Amino acid sequence: MDKNSGKEKATMSGSKMMSKDFVFESQLGTGAFSKVMVGLHKPTNKHYAVKVVSKQTILNIQNEEERARMASVVRREAQMLRLCNHANIVKFYASMQSLQDLYFITELCDGG
């Protein structure tokens, strides 16, 4: 983790990706703890689907067991995305975090 910015660097094809390198253009969907945005990666000028998970929303869960369960669900999702590598599954590129959010960077599938 970068001590100065609070951002974890993620590697994609030999280059570093950071959350500050993305411009969010539109929202694709929402869930209880996250939203999925179209993100433009400025250094490469490529579009990705970026799942943004709010750390604060999870931390605000009053029930300690439920909070721990949701944190585990997010960790498992990241692990599963890393393991899935198939032509019929969206490609996972990177995960990273800022002080407020977790980010999962995946292939953007235009057209639904």
Foldseek 3Di string as FASTA:
>chain_A
DPPPFQKDWKDFPRDTATPVQWDFDAWDADDQFWTWTFIQRNVVRDTWTKIKGWPVSLVPPPDPVSSVVVVVVVVVVVVVQVPDDDPVDWHWGTWMDGPTIIITTTHDDPPD
